[in-house]
Amino acid sequence: MAWLGLLMSAGIVAAITLPLVNDQRSLPADYYFIFMLLLAVPISLFFVARGIFARREWARWAGMIYGFLTLFGIPIGTIIGGYVLWQLKKGWPAQ
């Protein structure tokens, strides 16, 4: 999911900046904040995924929060979010 989010965010950033650069206009200062936010969310998912693979409890809770937020993306997000929540709710056996 993190790779898909990163690709989508990069596509959004490119779709906004390319027309402005083509017209030789500078980007408004607000756009830089939006771009950083668009890239920060998928990058943070990489850290959460690494924590889940290492079976860290903080990553499990962060993944559950992400799964809950994904539920609002009807219809595909609901399916993906439900699956994420179902998998993380089960937890993992102690090592």
N, C-alpha and C. Protein backbone atom coordinates (compact mmCIF):
# COMPACT_ATOMS: atom_id res chain seq x y z
N MET A 1 0.82 -1.20 0.00
CA MET A 1 0.00 0.00 0.00
C MET A 1 0.86 1.26 0.00
N ALA A 2 2.00 1.18 0.68
CA ALA A 2 2.85 2.36 0.75
C ALA A 2 3.40 2.71 -0.64
N TRP A 3 3.76 1.69 -1.40
CA TRP A 3 4.28 1.95 -2.75
C TRP A 3 3.19 2.58 -3.62
N LEU A 4 1.99 2.08 -3.52
CA LEU A 4 0.89 2.63 -4.30
C LEU A 4 0.59 4.07 -3.89
N GLY A 5 0.60 4.33 -2.60
CA GLY A 5 0.38 5.69 -2.12
C GLY A 5 1.47 6.64 -2.56
N LEU A 6 2.71 6.16 -2.56
CA LEU A 6 3.83 6.99 -3.00
C LEU A 6 3.73 7.30 -4.50
N LEU A 7 3.34 6.31 -5.29
CA LEU A 7 3.17 6.54 -6.73
C LEU A 7 2.03 7.52 -7.01
N MET A 8 0.93 7.37 -6.27
CA MET A 8 -0.20 8.28 -6.47
C MET A 8 0.16 9.69 -6.05
N SER A 9 0.86 9.82 -4.93
CA SER A 9 1.27 11.15 -4.48
C SER A 9 2.23 11.81 -5.45
N ALA A 10 3.17 11.03 -5.96
CA ALA A 10 4.11 11.58 -6.94
C ALA A 10 3.37 12.00 -8.21
N GLY A 11 2.36 11.25 -8.60
CA GLY A 11 1.56 11.61 -9.77
C GLY A 11 0.78 12.90 -9.56
N ILE A 12 0.24 13.08 -8.36
CA ILE A 12 -0.49 14.30 -8.05
C ILE A 12 0.45 15.50 -8.07
N VAL A 13 1.62 15.34 -7.46
CA VAL A 13 2.60 16.42 -7.44
C VAL A 13 3.02 16.77 -8.86
N ALA A 14 3.27 15.76 -9.69
CA ALA A 14 3.67 16.01 -11.08
C ALA A 14 2.55 16.69 -11.87
N ALA A 15 1.31 16.26 -11.64
CA ALA A 15 0.18 16.85 -12.36
C ALA A 15 -0.02 18.32 -12.00
N ILE A 16 0.36 18.70 -10.80
CA ILE A 16 0.21 20.10 -10.40
C ILE A 16 1.39 20.94 -10.86
N THR A 17 2.60 20.40 -10.72
CA THR A 17 3.79 21.22 -11.00
C THR A 17 4.13 21.32 -12.48
N LEU A 18 3.91 20.29 -13.25
CA LEU A 18 4.32 20.33 -14.65
C LEU A 18 3.66 21.45 -15.46
N PRO A 19 2.35 21.66 -15.33
CA PRO A 19 1.77 22.80 -16.07
C PRO A 19 2.32 24.15 -15.62
N LEU A 20 2.59 24.29 -14.33
CA LEU A 20 3.13 25.57 -13.85
C LEU A 20 4.56 25.78 -14.35
N VAL A 21 5.35 24.73 -14.34
CA VAL A 21 6.72 24.84 -14.83
C VAL A 21 6.73 25.09 -16.33
N ASN A 22 5.81 24.46 -17.04
CA ASN A 22 5.73 24.63 -18.48
C ASN A 22 5.39 26.08 -18.85
N ASP A 23 4.54 26.72 -18.03
CA ASP A 23 4.18 28.12 -18.26
C ASP A 23 5.20 29.07 -17.65
N GLN A 24 6.27 28.54 -17.08
CA GLN A 24 7.35 29.29 -16.46
C GLN A 24 6.85 30.19 -15.33
N ARG A 25 5.92 29.63 -14.55
CA ARG A 25 5.43 30.32 -13.36
C ARG A 25 6.03 29.65 -12.14
N SER A 26 6.19 30.40 -11.08
CA SER A 26 6.71 29.81 -9.85
C SER A 26 5.56 29.23 -9.03
N LEU A 27 5.90 28.27 -8.20
CA LEU A 27 4.89 27.63 -7.37
C LEU A 27 4.56 28.52 -6.17
N PRO A 28 3.29 28.60 -5.82
CA PRO A 28 2.93 29.32 -4.58
C PRO A 28 3.51 28.61 -3.37
N ALA A 29 3.76 29.35 -2.32
CA ALA A 29 4.38 28.78 -1.12
C ALA A 29 3.49 27.72 -0.47
N ASP A 30 2.19 27.83 -0.61
CA ASP A 30 1.28 26.85 -0.02
C ASP A 30 1.46 25.47 -0.64
N TYR A 31 1.85 25.43 -1.89
CA TYR A 31 1.99 24.14 -2.57
C TYR A 31 3.09 23.29 -1.95
N TYR A 32 4.14 23.90 -1.45
CA TYR A 32 5.23 23.12 -0.87
C TYR A 32 4.77 22.37 0.37
N PHE A 33 3.92 22.99 1.18
CA PHE A 33 3.37 22.31 2.35
C PHE A 33 2.50 21.14 1.93
N ILE A 34 1.66 21.33 0.92
CA ILE A 34 0.80 20.26 0.43
C ILE A 34 1.64 19.12 -0.14
N PHE A 35 2.68 19.45 -0.87
CA PHE A 35 3.55 18.42 -1.44
C PHE A 35 4.23 17.61 -0.35
N MET A 36 4.71 18.27 0.68
CA MET A 36 5.37 17.56 1.79
C MET A 36 4.39 16.65 2.50
N LEU A 37 3.17 17.11 2.68
CA LEU A 37 2.15 16.29 3.32
C LEU A 37 1.79 15.08 2.44
N LEU A 38 1.67 15.32 1.14
CA LEU A 38 1.36 14.22 0.22
C LEU A 38 2.45 13.16 0.21
N LEU A 39 3.68 13.54 0.40
CA LEU A 39 4.77 12.58 0.41
C LEU A 39 5.04 12.00 1.79
N ALA A 40 4.68 12.72 2.85
CA ALA A 40 4.96 12.25 4.21
C ALA A 40 4.07 11.06 4.60
N VAL A 41 2.84 11.06 4.15
CA VAL A 41 1.92 9.98 4.53
C VAL A 41 2.39 8.63 3.97
N PRO A 42 2.67 8.49 2.68
CA PRO A 42 3.13 7.18 2.20
C PRO A 42 4.50 6.79 2.76
N ILE A 43 5.37 7.76 2.97
CA ILE A 43 6.68 7.43 3.53
C ILE A 43 6.53 6.92 4.95
N SER A 44 5.61 7.50 5.73
CA SER A 44 5.39 7.01 7.08
C SER A 44 4.82 5.59 7.07
N LEU A 45 4.07 5.25 6.02
CA LEU A 45 3.56 3.88 5.92
C LEU A 45 4.68 2.86 5.74
N PHE A 46 5.78 3.25 5.11
CA PHE A 46 6.93 2.35 5.01
C PHE A 46 7.47 2.02 6.40
N PHE A 47 7.54 3.02 7.29
CA PHE A 47 8.02 2.78 8.65
C PHE A 47 7.05 1.91 9.44
N VAL A 48 5.76 2.14 9.24
CA VAL A 48 4.76 1.31 9.92
C VAL A 48 4.86 -0.13 9.43
N ALA A 49 5.01 -0.31 8.12
CA ALA A 49 5.13 -1.67 7.57
C ALA A 49 6.36 -2.38 8.11
N ARG A 50 7.47 -1.66 8.22
CA ARG A 50 8.68 -2.27 8.76
C ARG A 50 8.47 -2.65 10.22
N GLY A 51 7.76 -1.81 10.97
CA GLY A 51 7.45 -2.13 12.36
C GLY A 51 6.53 -3.33 12.48
N ILE A 52 5.57 -3.46 11.56
CA ILE A 52 4.67 -4.61 11.59
C ILE A 52 5.44 -5.89 11.29
N PHE A 53 6.34 -5.85 10.33
CA PHE A 53 7.14 -7.04 10.03
C PHE A 53 8.04 -7.41 11.20
N ALA A 54 8.46 -6.42 11.98
CA ALA A 54 9.27 -6.68 13.17
C ALA A 54 8.40 -6.99 14.39
N ARG A 55 7.07 -7.01 14.19
CA ARG A 55 6.10 -7.32 15.24
C ARG A 55 6.17 -6.35 16.42
N ARG A 56 6.22 -5.08 16.11
CA ARG A 56 6.21 -4.04 17.13
C ARG A 56 4.76 -3.65 17.43
N GLU A 57 4.47 -3.47 18.70
CA GLU A 57 3.10 -3.16 19.11
C GLU A 57 2.67 -1.77 18.63
N TRP A 58 3.57 -0.79 18.62
CA TRP A 58 3.22 0.56 18.16
C TRP A 58 2.82 0.53 16.69
N ALA A 59 3.50 -0.33 15.91
CA ALA A 59 3.19 -0.42 14.48
C ALA A 59 1.83 -1.07 14.26
N ARG A 60 1.50 -2.01 15.12
CA ARG A 60 0.18 -2.65 15.02
C ARG A 60 -0.91 -1.61 15.22
N TRP A 61 -0.77 -0.76 16.25
CA TRP A 61 -1.77 0.28 16.50
C TRP A 61 -1.78 1.33 15.40
N ALA A 62 -0.62 1.70 14.90
CA ALA A 62 -0.56 2.67 13.79
C ALA A 62 -1.22 2.08 12.55
N GLY A 63 -1.01 0.80 12.29
CA GLY A 63 -1.66 0.13 11.17
C GLY A 63 -3.16 0.06 11.33
N MET A 64 -3.62 -0.13 12.57
CA MET A 64 -5.07 -0.15 12.81
C MET A 64 -5.68 1.24 12.57
N ILE A 65 -4.97 2.27 12.95
CA ILE A 65 -5.45 3.63 12.69
C ILE A 65 -5.52 3.87 11.18
N TYR A 66 -4.48 3.44 10.46
CA TYR A 66 -4.49 3.58 9.00
C TYR A 66 -5.64 2.77 8.40
N GLY A 67 -5.85 1.56 8.88
CA GLY A 67 -6.95 0.74 8.38
C GLY A 67 -8.30 1.39 8.62
N PHE A 68 -8.47 2.00 9.80
CA PHE A 68 -9.72 2.69 10.09
C PHE A 68 -9.94 3.87 9.16
N LEU A 69 -8.89 4.66 8.93
CA LEU A 69 -9.02 5.80 8.03
C LEU A 69 -9.28 5.37 6.59
N THR A 70 -8.76 4.22 6.22
CA THR A 70 -8.95 3.71 4.86
C THR A 70 -10.40 3.28 4.62
N LEU A 71 -11.12 2.97 5.70
CA LEU A 71 -12.52 2.54 5.56
C LEU A 71 -13.38 3.57 4.85
N PHE A 72 -13.00 4.84 4.93
CA PHE A 72 -13.82 5.90 4.35
C PHE A 72 -13.66 6.02 2.83
N GLY A 73 -12.73 5.30 2.25
CA GLY A 73 -12.53 5.32 0.80
C GLY A 73 -13.41 4.30 0.12
N ILE A 74 -14.68 4.60 0.02
CA ILE A 74 -15.67 3.66 -0.51
C ILE A 74 -15.47 3.50 -2.01
N PRO A 75 -15.54 2.34 -2.60
CA PRO A 75 -15.77 1.01 -2.07
C PRO A 75 -14.46 0.22 -1.83
N ILE A 76 -13.41 0.54 -2.59
CA ILE A 76 -12.17 -0.24 -2.48
C ILE A 76 -11.50 -0.04 -1.13
N GLY A 77 -11.47 1.19 -0.65
CA GLY A 77 -10.85 1.46 0.63
C GLY A 77 -11.54 0.74 1.78
N THR A 78 -12.85 0.57 1.68
CA THR A 78 -13.58 -0.15 2.71
C THR A 78 -13.13 -1.60 2.77
N ILE A 79 -12.95 -2.19 1.63
CA ILE A 79 -12.51 -3.59 1.57
C ILE A 79 -11.08 -3.71 2.10
N ILE A 80 -10.20 -2.85 1.64
CA ILE A 80 -8.80 -2.89 2.07
C ILE A 80 -8.69 -2.57 3.56
N GLY A 81 -9.39 -1.54 4.01
CA GLY A 81 -9.35 -1.17 5.42
C GLY A 81 -9.89 -2.26 6.31
N GLY A 82 -10.97 -2.90 5.89
CA GLY A 82 -11.51 -4.02 6.65
C GLY A 82 -10.54 -5.17 6.75
N TYR A 83 -9.87 -5.47 5.66
CA TYR A 83 -8.89 -6.55 5.67
C TYR A 83 -7.70 -6.21 6.57
N VAL A 84 -7.23 -4.98 6.50
CA VAL A 84 -6.11 -4.55 7.35
C VAL A 84 -6.50 -4.66 8.82
N LEU A 85 -7.69 -4.16 9.16
CA LEU A 85 -8.14 -4.24 10.54
C LEU A 85 -8.31 -5.68 11.01
N TRP A 86 -8.84 -6.52 10.15
CA TRP A 86 -9.04 -7.92 10.49
C TRP A 86 -7.70 -8.60 10.76
N GLN A 87 -6.72 -8.35 9.92
CA GLN A 87 -5.41 -8.97 10.09
C GLN A 87 -4.70 -8.46 11.34
N LEU A 88 -4.78 -7.17 11.59
CA LEU A 88 -4.07 -6.61 12.74
C LEU A 88 -4.81 -6.86 14.05
N LYS A 89 -6.12 -7.05 14.00
CA LYS A 89 -6.89 -7.34 15.21
C LYS A 89 -6.50 -8.69 15.78
N LYS A 90 -6.20 -9.63 14.90
CA LYS A 90 -5.81 -10.96 15.36
C LYS A 90 -4.50 -10.91 16.14
N GLY A 91 -3.67 -9.93 15.79
CA GLY A 91 -2.37 -9.82 16.44
C GLY A 91 -1.41 -10.87 15.90
N TRP A 92 -0.39 -11.13 16.67
CA TRP A 92 0.58 -12.13 16.26
C TRP A 92 1.04 -12.90 17.50
N PRO A 93 1.46 -14.12 17.28
CA PRO A 93 1.88 -14.92 18.45
C PRO A 93 3.17 -14.36 19.04
N ALA A 94 3.32 -14.52 20.33
CA ALA A 94 4.53 -14.06 21.01
C ALA A 94 5.72 -14.89 20.55
N GLN A 95 6.86 -14.23 20.44
CA GLN A 95 8.05 -14.96 19.98
C GLN A 95 8.90 -15.39 21.13
